C-alpha atoms as a PDB file:
ATOM      1  CA  MET A   1     -18.939 -21.508 -41.261  1.00  0.00           C
ATOM      2  CA  LYS A   2     -18.698 -17.917 -42.518  1.00  0.00           C
ATOM      3  CA  LEU A   3     -19.746 -15.307 -40.012  1.00  0.00           C
ATOM      4  CA  GLU A   4     -22.146 -13.933 -42.572  1.00  0.00           C
ATOM      5  CA  GLU A   5     -24.100 -17.192 -42.416  1.00  0.00           C
ATOM      6  CA  ILE A   6     -24.920 -16.653 -38.730  1.00  0.00           C
ATOM      7  CA  GLY A   7     -27.402 -13.916 -39.576  1.00  0.00           C
ATOM      8  CA  PHE A   8     -26.161 -10.986 -37.418  1.00  0.00           C
ATOM      9  CA  TYR A   9     -25.511  -8.491 -40.211  1.00  0.00           C
ATOM     10  CA  THR A  10     -22.944  -6.536 -38.212  1.00  0.00           C
ATOM     11  CA  LEU A  11     -20.731  -9.612 -37.829  1.00  0.00           C
ATOM     12  CA  CYS A  12     -18.857 -10.709 -40.973  1.00  0.00           C
ATOM     13  CA  ASP A  13     -15.565 -12.217 -41.925  1.00  0.00           C
ATOM     14  CA  SER A  14     -14.352  -9.004 -43.635  1.00  0.00           C
ATOM     15  CA  ARG A  15     -14.864  -7.152 -40.383  1.00  0.00           C
ATOM     16  CA  ALA A  16     -13.000  -9.805 -38.440  1.00  0.00           C
ATOM     17  CA  GLN A  17     -10.200  -9.757 -41.001  1.00  0.00           C
ATOM     18  CA  ASN A  18      -9.714  -5.989 -40.961  1.00  0.00           C
ATOM     19  CA  ILE A  19     -10.721  -4.965 -37.421  1.00  0.00           C
ATOM     20  CA  SER A  20      -8.333  -2.539 -35.815  1.00  0.00           C
ATOM     21  CA  PRO A  21      -8.294   0.770 -33.893  1.00  0.00           C
ATOM     22  CA  THR A  22      -8.486   2.615 -37.251  1.00  0.00           C
ATOM     23  CA  PHE A  23     -11.276   0.504 -38.769  1.00  0.00           C
ATOM     24  CA  PRO A  24     -14.548   2.497 -39.141  1.00  0.00           C
ATOM     25  CA  MET A  25     -16.806   2.367 -36.141  1.00  0.00           C
ATOM     26  CA  TRP A  26     -18.988  -0.552 -37.063  1.00  0.00           C
ATOM     27  CA  ARG A  27     -21.761  -0.924 -34.494  1.00  0.00           C
ATOM     28  CA  CYS A  28     -22.791   1.343 -31.638  1.00  0.00           C
ATOM     29  CA  GLU A  29     -25.707   1.183 -29.176  1.00  0.00           C
ATOM     30  CA  MET A  30     -27.235   3.912 -27.074  1.00  0.00           C
ATOM     31  CA  ILE A  31     -29.560   3.326 -24.127  1.00  0.00           C
ATOM     32  CA  LEU A  32     -31.817   6.339 -24.539  1.00  0.00           C
ATOM     33  CA  THR A  33     -33.911   5.882 -21.421  1.00  0.00           C
ATOM     34  CA  ASP A  34     -34.484   3.540 -18.477  1.00  0.00           C
ATOM     35  CA  ARG A  35     -38.195   4.203 -18.599  1.00  0.00           C
ATOM     36  CA  CYS A  36     -40.525   1.466 -19.865  1.00  0.00           C
ATOM     37  CA  ASN A  37     -44.245   0.758 -19.913  1.00  0.00           C
ATOM     38  CA  PHE A  38     -43.556  -2.951 -19.246  1.00  0.00           C
ATOM     39  CA  LYS A  39     -42.308  -4.521 -16.010  1.00  0.00           C
ATOM     40  CA  CYS A  40     -40.659  -7.707 -17.253  1.00  0.00           C
ATOM     41  CA  LYS A  41     -39.482  -9.780 -14.320  1.00  0.00           C
ATOM     42  CA  TYR A  42     -36.105 -10.592 -15.903  1.00  0.00           C
ATOM     43  CA  CYS A  43     -35.350  -6.903 -16.575  1.00  0.00           C
ATOM     44  CA  ARG A  44     -33.433  -5.399 -13.670  1.00  0.00           C
ATOM     45  CA  GLY A  45     -33.262  -1.899 -15.021  1.00  0.00           C
ATOM     46  CA  LEU A  46     -30.121   0.187 -15.307  1.00  0.00           C
ATOM     47  CA  ARG A  47     -27.408   1.222 -12.871  1.00  0.00           C
ATOM     48  CA  SER A  48     -28.356   4.183 -10.734  1.00  0.00           C
ATOM     49  CA  ASP A  49     -25.801   6.377 -12.595  1.00  0.00           C
ATOM     50  CA  CYS A  50     -27.505   5.637 -15.892  1.00  0.00           C
ATOM     51  CA  VAL A  51     -31.175   6.258 -15.125  1.00  0.00           C
ATOM     52  CA  GLY A  52     -33.234   8.942 -16.808  1.00  0.00           C
ATOM     53  CA  ASP A  53     -33.430  10.098 -20.426  1.00  0.00           C
ATOM     54  CA  ILE A  54     -30.379  11.091 -22.413  1.00  0.00           C
ATOM     55  CA  PRO A  55     -31.277  14.593 -23.630  1.00  0.00           C
ATOM     56  CA  THR A  56     -32.050  14.693 -27.349  1.00  0.00           C
ATOM     57  CA  GLU A  57     -29.195  17.123 -28.079  1.00  0.00           C
ATOM     58  CA  ARG A  58     -26.748  14.935 -26.211  1.00  0.00           C
ATOM     59  CA  ALA A  59     -27.905  11.808 -27.990  1.00  0.00           C
ATOM     60  CA  ILE A  60     -27.368  13.562 -31.325  1.00  0.00           C
ATOM     61  CA  GLU A  61     -23.947  14.783 -30.180  1.00  0.00           C
ATOM     62  CA  ILE A  62     -22.837  11.254 -29.213  1.00  0.00           C
ATOM     63  CA  THR A  63     -24.151   9.804 -32.481  1.00  0.00           C
ATOM     64  CA  ASN A  64     -22.128  12.448 -34.339  1.00  0.00           C
ATOM     65  CA  ILE A  65     -18.951  11.486 -32.435  1.00  0.00           C
ATOM     66  CA  TRP A  66     -19.435   7.932 -33.766  1.00  0.00           C
ATOM     67  CA  ALA A  67     -20.422   9.149 -37.232  1.00  0.00           C
ATOM     68  CA  ASP A  68     -17.254  11.227 -37.463  1.00  0.00           C
ATOM     69  CA  ASP A  69     -15.428   7.929 -37.118  1.00  0.00           C
ATOM     70  CA  GLY A  70     -17.294   6.217 -39.928  1.00  0.00           C
ATOM     71  CA  LEU A  71     -20.238   4.651 -38.019  1.00  0.00           C
ATOM     72  CA  GLN A  72     -22.004   1.984 -40.082  1.00  0.00           C
ATOM     73  CA  HIS A  73     -24.694   0.574 -37.754  1.00  0.00           C
ATOM     74  CA  VAL A  74     -26.458   2.072 -34.757  1.00  0.00           C
ATOM     75  CA  ARG A  75     -29.072   0.728 -32.318  1.00  0.00           C
ATOM     76  CA  TYR A  76     -31.218   2.770 -29.963  1.00  0.00           C
ATOM     77  CA  SER A  77     -32.693   0.932 -27.040  1.00  0.00           C
ATOM     78  CA  GLY A  78     -33.787   1.318 -23.427  1.00  0.00           C
ATOM     79  CA  GLY A  79     -35.909   0.880 -21.373  1.00  0.00           C
ATOM     80  CA  GLU A  80     -38.411   1.463 -24.122  1.00  0.00           C
ATOM     81  CA  PRO A  81     -36.911   3.897 -26.653  1.00  0.00           C
ATOM     82  CA  THR A  82     -40.291   4.901 -28.164  1.00  0.00           C
ATOM     83  CA  ILE A  83     -41.027   6.662 -24.845  1.00  0.00           C
ATOM     84  CA  HIS A  84     -38.073   9.053 -25.445  1.00  0.00           C
ATOM     85  CA  PRO A  85     -39.544  12.341 -26.699  1.00  0.00           C
ATOM     86  CA  GLY A  86     -36.704  13.022 -29.152  1.00  0.00           C
ATOM     87  CA  LEU A  87     -36.400   9.581 -30.808  1.00  0.00           C
ATOM     88  CA  SER A  88     -37.502  10.666 -34.278  1.00  0.00           C
ATOM     89  CA  PHE A  89     -35.025  13.576 -34.257  1.00  0.00           C
ATOM     90  CA  ILE A  90     -32.214  11.344 -33.102  1.00  0.00           C
ATOM     91  CA  ILE A  91     -32.985   8.831 -35.859  1.00  0.00           C
ATOM     92  CA  ALA A  92     -33.245  11.553 -38.517  1.00  0.00           C
ATOM     93  CA  ASN A  93     -29.834  12.856 -37.503  1.00  0.00           C
ATOM     94  CA  ALA A  94     -28.279   9.343 -37.784  1.00  0.00           C
ATOM     95  CA  ALA A  95     -29.770   8.980 -41.256  1.00  0.00           C
ATOM     96  CA  LYS A  96     -28.506  12.384 -42.270  1.00  0.00           C
ATOM     97  CA  ARG A  97     -25.023  11.393 -41.094  1.00  0.00           C
ATOM     98  CA  GLY A  98     -25.078   8.407 -43.445  1.00  0.00           C
ATOM     99  CA  VAL A  99     -25.474   5.536 -40.979  1.00  0.00           C
ATOM    100  CA  LYS A 100     -26.423   2.502 -43.064  1.00  0.00           C
ATOM    101  CA  ARG A 101     -28.494   0.514 -40.576  1.00  0.00           C
ATOM    102  CA  ILE A 102     -30.541   2.259 -37.893  1.00  0.00           C
ATOM    103  CA  ALA A 103     -32.116  -0.189 -35.475  1.00  0.00           C
ATOM    104  CA  ILE A 104     -34.615   0.161 -32.661  1.00  0.00           C
ATOM    105  CA  SER A 105     -35.094  -2.388 -29.852  1.00  0.00           C
ATOM    106  CA  THR A 106     -38.697  -2.073 -28.745  1.00  0.00           C
ATOM    107  CA  ASN A 107     -41.440  -3.978 -26.957  1.00  0.00           C
ATOM    108  CA  GLY A 108     -43.682  -3.300 -29.961  1.00  0.00           C
ATOM    109  CA  SER A 109     -46.496  -1.608 -28.045  1.00  0.00           C
ATOM    110  CA  ALA A 110     -46.334   1.870 -29.585  1.00  0.00           C
ATOM    111  CA  PRO A 111     -48.987   2.921 -32.173  1.00  0.00           C
ATOM    112  CA  THR A 112     -48.378   1.508 -35.617  1.00  0.00           C
ATOM    113  CA  ALA A 113     -48.338   4.973 -37.125  1.00  0.00           C
ATOM    114  CA  TYR A 114     -45.490   5.950 -34.849  1.00  0.00           C
ATOM    115  CA  TYR A 115     -43.348   3.070 -36.077  1.00  0.00           C
ATOM    116  CA  GLU A 116     -44.201   4.027 -39.631  1.00  0.00           C
ATOM    117  CA  ARG A 117     -42.965   7.514 -38.886  1.00  0.00           C
ATOM    118  CA  LEU A 118     -39.711   6.082 -37.547  1.00  0.00           C
ATOM    119  CA  ILE A 119     -39.273   4.233 -40.809  1.00  0.00           C
ATOM    120  CA  GLU A 120     -39.870   7.438 -42.749  1.00  0.00           C
ATOM    121  CA  VAL A 121     -37.045   9.263 -40.907  1.00  0.00           C
ATOM    122  CA  GLY A 122     -34.558   6.386 -41.171  1.00  0.00           C
ATOM    123  CA  VAL A 123     -35.194   3.198 -39.204  1.00  0.00           C
ATOM    124  CA  ASN A 124     -34.672   0.039 -41.238  1.00  0.00           C
ATOM    125  CA  ASP A 125     -34.418  -2.543 -38.399  1.00  0.00           C
ATOM    126  CA  PHE A 126     -36.753  -3.357 -35.570  1.00  0.00           C
ATOM    127  CA  SER A 127     -35.998  -5.880 -32.829  1.00  0.00           C
ATOM    128  CA  ILE A 128     -39.327  -6.544 -31.109  1.00  0.00           C
ATOM    129  CA  SER A 129     -39.658  -8.519 -27.879  1.00  0.00           C
ATOM    130  CA  LEU A 130     -41.925 -11.551 -28.001  1.00  0.00           C
ATOM    131  CA  ASP A 131     -41.754 -13.692 -24.866  1.00  0.00           C
ATOM    132  CA  ALA A 132     -45.111 -15.481 -25.278  1.00  0.00           C
ATOM    133  CA  CYS A 133     -47.616 -16.519 -27.925  1.00  0.00           C
ATOM    134  CA  CYS A 134     -50.888 -15.656 -26.180  1.00  0.00           C
ATOM    135  CA  ALA A 135     -52.189 -12.537 -24.473  1.00  0.00           C
ATOM    136  CA  SER A 136     -52.580 -13.896 -20.942  1.00  0.00           C
ATOM    137  CA  PHE A 137     -49.053 -15.353 -20.777  1.00  0.00           C
ATOM    138  CA  ALA A 138     -47.591 -12.259 -22.462  1.00  0.00           C
ATOM    139  CA  ASN A 139     -49.129 -10.164 -19.694  1.00  0.00           C
ATOM    140  CA  LYS A 140     -47.476 -12.408 -17.098  1.00  0.00           C
ATOM    141  CA  MET A 141     -44.072 -12.093 -18.798  1.00  0.00           C
ATOM    142  CA  ALA A 142     -44.468  -8.312 -19.173  1.00  0.00           C
ATOM    143  CA  GLY A 143     -45.632  -7.835 -15.617  1.00  0.00           C
ATOM    144  CA  THR A 144     -48.527  -5.719 -16.862  1.00  0.00           C
ATOM    145  CA  LYS A 145     -51.194  -5.576 -19.533  1.00  0.00           C
ATOM    146  CA  CYS A 146     -48.913  -5.515 -22.562  1.00  0.00           C
ATOM    147  CA  GLU A 147     -51.347  -4.724 -25.411  1.00  0.00           C
ATOM    148  CA  PHE A 148     -50.466  -8.099 -26.959  1.00  0.00           C
ATOM    149  CA  ASN A 149     -52.787  -7.676 -29.940  1.00  0.00           C
ATOM    150  CA  GLN A 150     -51.112  -4.373 -30.777  1.00  0.00           C
ATOM    151  CA  VAL A 151     -47.665  -5.950 -30.510  1.00  0.00           C
ATOM    152  CA  VAL A 152     -48.662  -8.763 -32.826  1.00  0.00           C
ATOM    153  CA  LYS A 153     -50.219  -6.247 -35.262  1.00  0.00           C
ATOM    154  CA  ASN A 154     -47.061  -4.225 -35.310  1.00  0.00           C
ATOM    155  CA  ILE A 155     -44.798  -7.244 -35.856  1.00  0.00           C
ATOM    156  CA  THR A 156     -46.894  -8.428 -38.768  1.00  0.00           C
ATOM    157  CA  HIS A 157     -47.154  -5.015 -40.401  1.00  0.00           C
ATOM    158  CA  LEU A 158     -43.612  -3.887 -39.931  1.00  0.00           C
ATOM    159  CA  SER A 159     -42.217  -7.209 -41.165  1.00  0.00           C
ATOM    160  CA  LYS A 160     -43.661  -6.330 -44.591  1.00  0.00           C
ATOM    161  CA  LEU A 161     -41.827  -3.001 -44.617  1.00  0.00           C
ATOM    162  CA  VAL A 162     -38.310  -3.453 -43.115  1.00  0.00           C
ATOM    163  CA  TYR A 163     -36.113  -6.004 -41.409  1.00  0.00           C
ATOM    164  CA  VAL A 164     -37.827  -7.234 -38.205  1.00  0.00           C
ATOM    165  CA  SER A 165     -36.533  -9.773 -35.734  1.00  0.00           C
ATOM    166  CA  CYS A 166     -38.206 -11.049 -32.614  1.00  0.00           C
ATOM    167  CA  GLY A 167     -36.199 -11.347 -29.397  1.00  0.00           C
ATOM    168  CA  VAL A 168     -37.345 -14.143 -27.086  1.00  0.00           C
ATOM    169  CA  VAL A 169     -35.942 -14.043 -23.578  1.00  0.00           C
ATOM    170  CA  LEU A 170     -36.335 -17.380 -21.819  1.00  0.00           C
ATOM    171  CA  THR A 171     -36.828 -17.977 -18.119  1.00  0.00           C
ATOM    172  CA  GLU A 172     -38.177 -20.900 -16.119  1.00  0.00           C
ATOM    173  CA  ASP A 173     -41.659 -19.413 -16.770  1.00  0.00           C
ATOM    174  CA  ASN A 174     -41.715 -19.592 -20.583  1.00  0.00           C
ATOM    175  CA  VAL A 175     -38.901 -21.964 -21.597  1.00  0.00           C
ATOM    176  CA  GLY A 176     -41.391 -24.835 -21.848  1.00  0.00           C
ATOM    177  CA  THR A 177     -43.252 -22.962 -24.578  1.00  0.00           C
ATOM    178  CA  LEU A 178     -40.205 -22.105 -26.650  1.00  0.00           C
ATOM    179  CA  LYS A 179     -41.230 -24.071 -29.710  1.00  0.00           C
ATOM    180  CA  ASP A 180     -44.720 -22.516 -29.669  1.00  0.00           C
ATOM    181  CA  ILE A 181     -43.274 -19.021 -29.458  1.00  0.00           C
ATOM    182  CA  VAL A 182     -40.879 -19.741 -32.361  1.00  0.00           C
ATOM    183  CA  MET A 183     -43.682 -21.093 -34.533  1.00  0.00           C
ATOM    184  CA  PHE A 184     -45.874 -18.080 -33.624  1.00  0.00           C
ATOM    185  CA  ALA A 185     -43.110 -15.621 -34.544  1.00  0.00           C
ATOM    186  CA  HIS A 186     -42.425 -17.459 -37.769  1.00  0.00           C
ATOM    187  CA  ASP A 187     -46.073 -17.257 -38.785  1.00  0.00           C
ATOM    188  CA  LEU A 188     -46.001 -13.460 -38.233  1.00  0.00           C
ATOM    189  CA  GLY A 189     -43.449 -13.169 -41.084  1.00  0.00           C
ATOM    190  CA  VAL A 190     -40.345 -11.982 -39.171  1.00  0.00           C
ATOM    191  CA  ALA A 191     -36.943 -12.151 -40.771  1.00  0.00           C
ATOM    192  CA  ASP A 192     -35.321 -13.797 -37.790  1.00  0.00           C
ATOM    193  CA  ILE A 193     -35.852 -15.008 -34.234  1.00  0.00           C
ATOM    194  CA  ARG A 194     -33.307 -14.523 -31.505  1.00  0.00           C
ATOM    195  CA  ILE A 195     -33.652 -16.859 -28.477  1.00  0.00           C
ATOM    196  CA  ILE A 196     -31.641 -16.154 -25.372  1.00  0.00           C
ATOM    197  CA  SER A 197     -31.714 -17.187 -21.767  1.00  0.00           C
ATOM    198  CA  ALA A 198     -32.173 -14.452 -19.143  1.00  0.00           C
ATOM    199  CA  ALA A 199     -28.906 -13.747 -17.369  1.00  0.00           C
ATOM    200  CA  GLN A 200     -30.362 -14.878 -14.029  1.00  0.00           C
ATOM    201  CA  TYR A 201     -31.684 -18.081 -15.636  1.00  0.00           C
ATOM    202  CA  ASN A 202     -28.761 -18.939 -17.915  1.00  0.00           C
ATOM    203  CA  GLU A 203     -29.744 -22.585 -18.444  1.00  0.00           C
ATOM    204  CA  MET A 204     -29.485 -24.820 -21.483  1.00  0.00           C
ATOM    205  CA  LEU A 205     -32.646 -24.116 -23.479  1.00  0.00           C
ATOM    206  CA  ALA A 206     -35.025 -26.994 -23.829  1.00  0.00           C
ATOM    207  CA  GLY A 207     -37.454 -27.666 -26.676  1.00  0.00           C
ATOM    208  CA  VAL A 208     -35.201 -26.734 -29.654  1.00  0.00           C
ATOM    209  CA  ARG A 209     -34.759 -30.309 -30.866  1.00  0.00           C
ATOM    210  CA  ASP A 210     -38.401 -30.312 -32.001  1.00  0.00           C
ATOM    211  CA  ILE A 211     -38.167 -27.258 -34.226  1.00  0.00           C
ATOM    212  CA  GLU A 212     -38.466 -28.374 -37.831  1.00  0.00           C
ATOM    213  CA  ASP A 213     -35.588 -27.803 -40.253  1.00  0.00           C
ATOM    214  CA  ASP A 214     -37.672 -25.738 -42.680  1.00  0.00           C
ATOM    215  CA  ILE A 215     -38.371 -23.260 -39.859  1.00  0.00           C
ATOM    216  CA  LEU A 216     -34.706 -23.060 -39.022  1.00  0.00           C
ATOM    217  CA  ASP A 217     -33.687 -22.595 -42.650  1.00  0.00           C
ATOM    218  CA  ALA A 218     -35.940 -19.528 -42.810  1.00  0.00           C
ATOM    219  CA  HIS A 219     -34.160 -17.781 -39.885  1.00  0.00           C
ATOM    220  CA  PRO A 220     -30.322 -17.861 -39.881  1.00  0.00           C
ATOM    221  CA  ILE A 221     -29.845 -16.579 -36.301  1.00  0.00           C
ATOM    222  CA  LEU A 222     -32.327 -19.056 -34.938  1.00  0.00           C
ATOM    223  CA  LYS A 223     -30.692 -21.893 -36.882  1.00  0.00           C
ATOM    224  CA  TYR A 224     -27.226 -20.921 -35.631  1.00  0.00           C
ATOM    225  CA  ARG A 225     -28.358 -20.811 -31.992  1.00  0.00           C
ATOM    226  CA  VAL A 226     -30.421 -23.986 -32.153  1.00  0.00           C
ATOM    227  CA  ASN A 227     -27.570 -25.881 -33.755  1.00  0.00           C
ATOM    228  CA  ASN A 228     -25.277 -24.669 -30.956  1.00  0.00           C
ATOM    229  CA  ILE A 229     -27.771 -25.795 -28.319  1.00  0.00           C
ATOM    230  CA  ARG A 230     -28.212 -29.212 -29.988  1.00  0.00           C
ATOM    231  CA  SER A 231     -24.467 -29.697 -29.829  1.00  0.00           C
ATOM    232  CA  GLY A 232     -24.475 -28.988 -26.106  1.00  0.00           C
ATOM    233  CA  ARG A 233     -23.326 -25.368 -26.244  1.00  0.00           C
ATOM    234  CA  ASN A 234     -25.111 -22.810 -24.046  1.00  0.00           C
ATOM    235  CA  VAL A 235     -26.075 -19.408 -25.415  1.00  0.00           C
ATOM    236  CA  ARG A 236     -23.933 -17.734 -22.745  1.00  0.00           C
ATOM    237  CA  GLY A 237     -20.504 -18.527 -21.430  1.00  0.00           C
ATOM    238  CA  MET A 238     -16.858 -18.743 -22.506  1.00  0.00           C
ATOM    239  CA  LYS A 239     -14.503 -21.716 -22.419  1.00  0.00           C
ATOM    240  CA  ASP A 240     -10.812 -21.464 -21.488  1.00  0.00           C
ATOM    241  CA  THR A 241      -9.989 -22.352 -25.101  1.00  0.00           C
ATOM    242  CA  ASP A 242     -11.851 -19.316 -26.457  1.00  0.00           C
ATOM    243  CA  CYS A 243     -10.173 -16.034 -27.279  1.00  0.00           C
ATOM    244  CA  HIS A 244      -9.664 -14.042 -24.110  1.00  0.00           C
ATOM    245  CA  THR A 245      -9.610 -10.618 -25.888  1.00  0.00           C
ATOM    246  CA  CYS A 246     -12.761  -8.758 -26.828  1.00  0.00           C
ATOM    247  CA  HIS A 247     -11.804  -7.522 -30.291  1.00  0.00           C
ATOM    248  CA  LEU A 248     -15.262  -5.972 -30.643  1.00  0.00           C
ATOM    249  CA  MET A 249     -13.947  -3.137 -28.497  1.00  0.00           C
ATOM    250  CA  ASN A 250     -12.019  -1.894 -31.526  1.00  0.00           C
ATOM    251  CA  ASP A 251     -15.069  -0.688 -33.417  1.00  0.00           C
ATOM    252  CA  ASP A 252     -18.084  -1.046 -31.144  1.00  0.00           C
ATOM    253  CA  CYS A 253     -19.431   1.167 -28.367  1.00  0.00           C
ATOM    254  CA  VAL A 254     -22.300   1.096 -25.834  1.00  0.00           C
ATOM    255  CA  VAL A 255     -23.455   4.280 -24.058  1.00  0.00           C
ATOM    256  CA  ALA A 256     -25.873   4.552 -21.105  1.00  0.00           C
ATOM    257  CA  GLY A 257     -26.321   7.829 -19.310  1.00  0.00           C
ATOM    258  CA  ASP A 258     -23.039   9.691 -19.878  1.00  0.00           C
ATOM    259  CA  LEU A 259     -20.934   6.546 -19.553  1.00  0.00           C
ATOM    260  CA  HIS A 260     -19.566   4.026 -22.054  1.00  0.00           C
ATOM    261  CA  PHE A 261     -19.375   0.338 -21.244  1.00  0.00           C
ATOM    262  CA  PRO A 262     -17.589  -2.684 -22.771  1.00  0.00           C
ATOM    263  CA  CYS A 263     -20.902  -4.070 -24.087  1.00  0.00           C
ATOM    264  CA  VAL A 264     -24.586  -3.931 -23.374  1.00  0.00           C
ATOM    265  CA  ILE A 265     -24.553  -7.144 -21.390  1.00  0.00           C
ATOM    266  CA  TYR A 266     -21.703  -5.859 -19.236  1.00  0.00           C
ATOM    267  CA  MET A 267     -23.719  -2.725 -18.583  1.00  0.00           C
ATOM    268  CA  ARG A 268     -26.905  -4.582 -17.753  1.00  0.00           C
ATOM    269  CA  GLU A 269     -25.089  -6.883 -15.358  1.00  0.00           C
ATOM    270  CA  ARG A 270     -23.842  -3.815 -13.414  1.00  0.00           C
ATOM    271  CA  GLY A 271     -20.318  -4.055 -14.706  1.00  0.00           C
ATOM    272  CA  ALA A 272     -18.074  -1.022 -14.320  1.00  0.00           C
ATOM    273  CA  PRO A 273     -18.087   1.569 -17.131  1.00  0.00           C
ATOM    274  CA  ILE A 274     -14.827   2.283 -18.985  1.00  0.00           C
ATOM    275  CA  SER A 275     -15.166   6.045 -18.656  1.00  0.00           C
ATOM    276  CA  ARG A 276     -17.358   9.055 -19.386  1.00  0.00           C
ATOM    277  CA  VAL A 277     -18.506   9.774 -22.901  1.00  0.00           C
ATOM    278  CA  SER A 278     -16.048  11.905 -24.863  1.00  0.00           C
ATOM    279  CA  ARG A 279     -14.258  12.044 -28.159  1.00  0.00           C
ATOM    280  CA  ASP A 280     -11.520  10.013 -26.450  1.00  0.00           C
ATOM    281  CA  MET A 281     -13.837   6.980 -26.017  1.00  0.00           C
ATOM    282  CA  ARG A 282     -12.299   4.925 -28.783  1.00  0.00           C
ATOM    283  CA  ARG A 283      -8.805   5.156 -27.476  1.00  0.00           C
ATOM    284  CA  GLU A 284     -10.081   4.248 -24.007  1.00  0.00           C
ATOM    285  CA  ARG A 285     -11.872   1.206 -25.386  1.00  0.00           C
ATOM    286  CA  VAL A 286      -8.865  -0.066 -27.210  1.00  0.00           C
ATOM    287  CA  GLU A 287      -6.782   0.352 -24.080  1.00  0.00           C
ATOM    288  CA  TRP A 288      -9.395  -1.701 -22.182  1.00  0.00           C
ATOM    289  CA  LEU A 289      -9.206  -4.571 -24.725  1.00  0.00           C
ATOM    290  CA  ARG A 290      -5.393  -4.537 -24.631  1.00  0.00           C
ATOM    291  CA  THR A 291      -5.273  -4.840 -20.835  1.00  0.00           C
ATOM    292  CA  HIS A 292      -8.414  -6.894 -20.072  1.00  0.00           C
ATOM    293  CA  ASN A 293      -8.499 -10.741 -19.978  1.00  0.00           C
ATOM    294  CA  THR A 294     -12.179 -11.493 -20.561  1.00  0.00           C
ATOM    295  CA  TYR A 295     -11.892 -15.056 -19.320  1.00  0.00           C
ATOM    296  CA  GLU A 296     -10.619 -13.775 -15.963  1.00  0.00           C
ATOM    297  CA  ASP A 297     -13.574 -11.401 -15.736  1.00  0.00           C
ATOM    298  CA  PRO A 298     -16.512 -13.273 -14.162  1.00  0.00           C
ATOM    299  CA  LEU A 299     -19.101 -11.143 -16.004  1.00  0.00           C
ATOM    300  CA  CYS A 300     -17.536 -11.911 -19.426  1.00  0.00           C
ATOM    301  CA  ARG A 301     -16.839 -15.569 -18.673  1.00  0.00           C
ATOM    302  CA  LYS A 302     -20.412 -16.277 -17.516  1.00  0.00           C
ATOM    303  CA  ASN A 303     -22.421 -14.028 -19.856  1.00  0.00           C
ATOM    304  CA  CYS A 304     -20.564 -13.532 -23.149  1.00  0.00           C
ATOM    305  CA  LEU A 305     -22.814 -14.661 -26.013  1.00  0.00           C
ATOM    306  CA  ASP A 306     -21.984 -17.458 -28.398  1.00  0.00           C
ATOM    307  CA  VAL A 307     -21.959 -15.154 -31.403  1.00  0.00           C
ATOM    308  CA  CYS A 308     -19.545 -12.674 -29.800  1.00  0.00           C
ATOM    309  CA  ILE A 309     -17.253 -15.545 -28.784  1.00  0.00           C
ATOM    310  CA  ASP A 310     -17.236 -16.905 -32.310  1.00  0.00           C
ATOM    311  CA  PHE A 311     -16.478 -13.473 -33.719  1.00  0.00           C
ATOM    312  CA  ASN A 312     -13.597 -12.913 -31.333  1.00  0.00           C
ATOM    313  CA  ASN A 313     -12.201 -16.346 -32.085  1.00  0.00           C
ATOM    314  CA  ARG A 314     -12.358 -15.527 -35.819  1.00  0.00           C
ATOM    315  CA  CYS A 315     -10.624 -12.174 -35.261  1.00  0.00           C
ATOM    316  CA  GLU A 316      -7.821 -14.006 -33.482  1.00  0.00           C
ATOM    317  CA  GLU A 317      -7.490 -16.402 -36.410  1.00  0.00           C
ATOM    318  CA  TYR A 318      -7.052 -13.395 -38.683  1.00  0.00           C
ATOM    319  CA  GLY A 319      -4.326 -11.966 -36.458  1.00  0.00           C
ATOM    320  CA  ALA A 320      -6.291  -9.118 -34.851  1.00  0.00           C
ATOM    321  CA  SER A 321      -4.071  -9.015 -31.829  1.00  0.00           C
ATOM    322  CA  THR A 322      -1.178  -7.678 -33.919  1.00  0.00           C
ATOM    323  CA  ARG A 323      -3.404  -4.796 -35.048  1.00  0.00           C
ATOM    324  CA  ASN A 324      -4.571  -3.739 -31.605  1.00  0.00           C
ATOM    325  CA  LYS A 325      -2.096  -0.920 -31.388  1.00  0.00           C
ATOM    326  CA  LEU A 326      -2.938   2.598 -30.310  1.00  0.00           C
END
């Protein structure tokens, strides 16, 4: 299977074949704020040293550090990034710097006109949370009144304008309704559907065997993940036979507060940061990958996602280890 067929547009065979410390920065993510208008039970917030808003000027400065190194794809998330007062300015700067794909991870509750404004200044990818398919259950999952009708309206409308995927986080509360959520998201017209178990749940997801093939064929990421689950593979977790080097560290970066972390999952699971944000981040990240055995790290071994594992395995097949030189 080619990596392109999985559906994550940042992961491709050409990237795996050429990845190195001098390859353009391919994908970076910035946690703009820890603030959110939802109180999802599975969300444990950020580390204490990452709380608050990244100042707009600092967010632009960090984006420019990445852009100076050829940044191709950027994602702004949170918390809820639409709460950040400088979001449109940050996005406009990324577009001005030539970033090809500018993504926002959002709960979808902001006014439709605001999302349209974000598209005008450069956003071409929305990842919108959808953990239920009816208002009452959505409120339960969100821990508050989540303006479900507004979320649904936004998903439907934005899906006609740009790439939109729905992120479905599964816990013991909603895993039994997985097929219903998938069918609901499909009917809203989204490009793809990403199902994932919450880290504190991390169980084999039930209900995927009943999802019809025509639904899977319409959504590459969903199809990839469902086929993995059907074969007995969990969404999270490494095997001892998998690559024990995170080659993504070559050309990927995650920033929260004024710190950079190995990945967004590592950060959310309270893993230690690599260092403070600076123009030396890339060298520090490559040094981390050269000295870090991910299988010996409990956070990586337990939580690394199937798609990241497959990418790192493919990098190893292409001889990436010989290119990980500073």
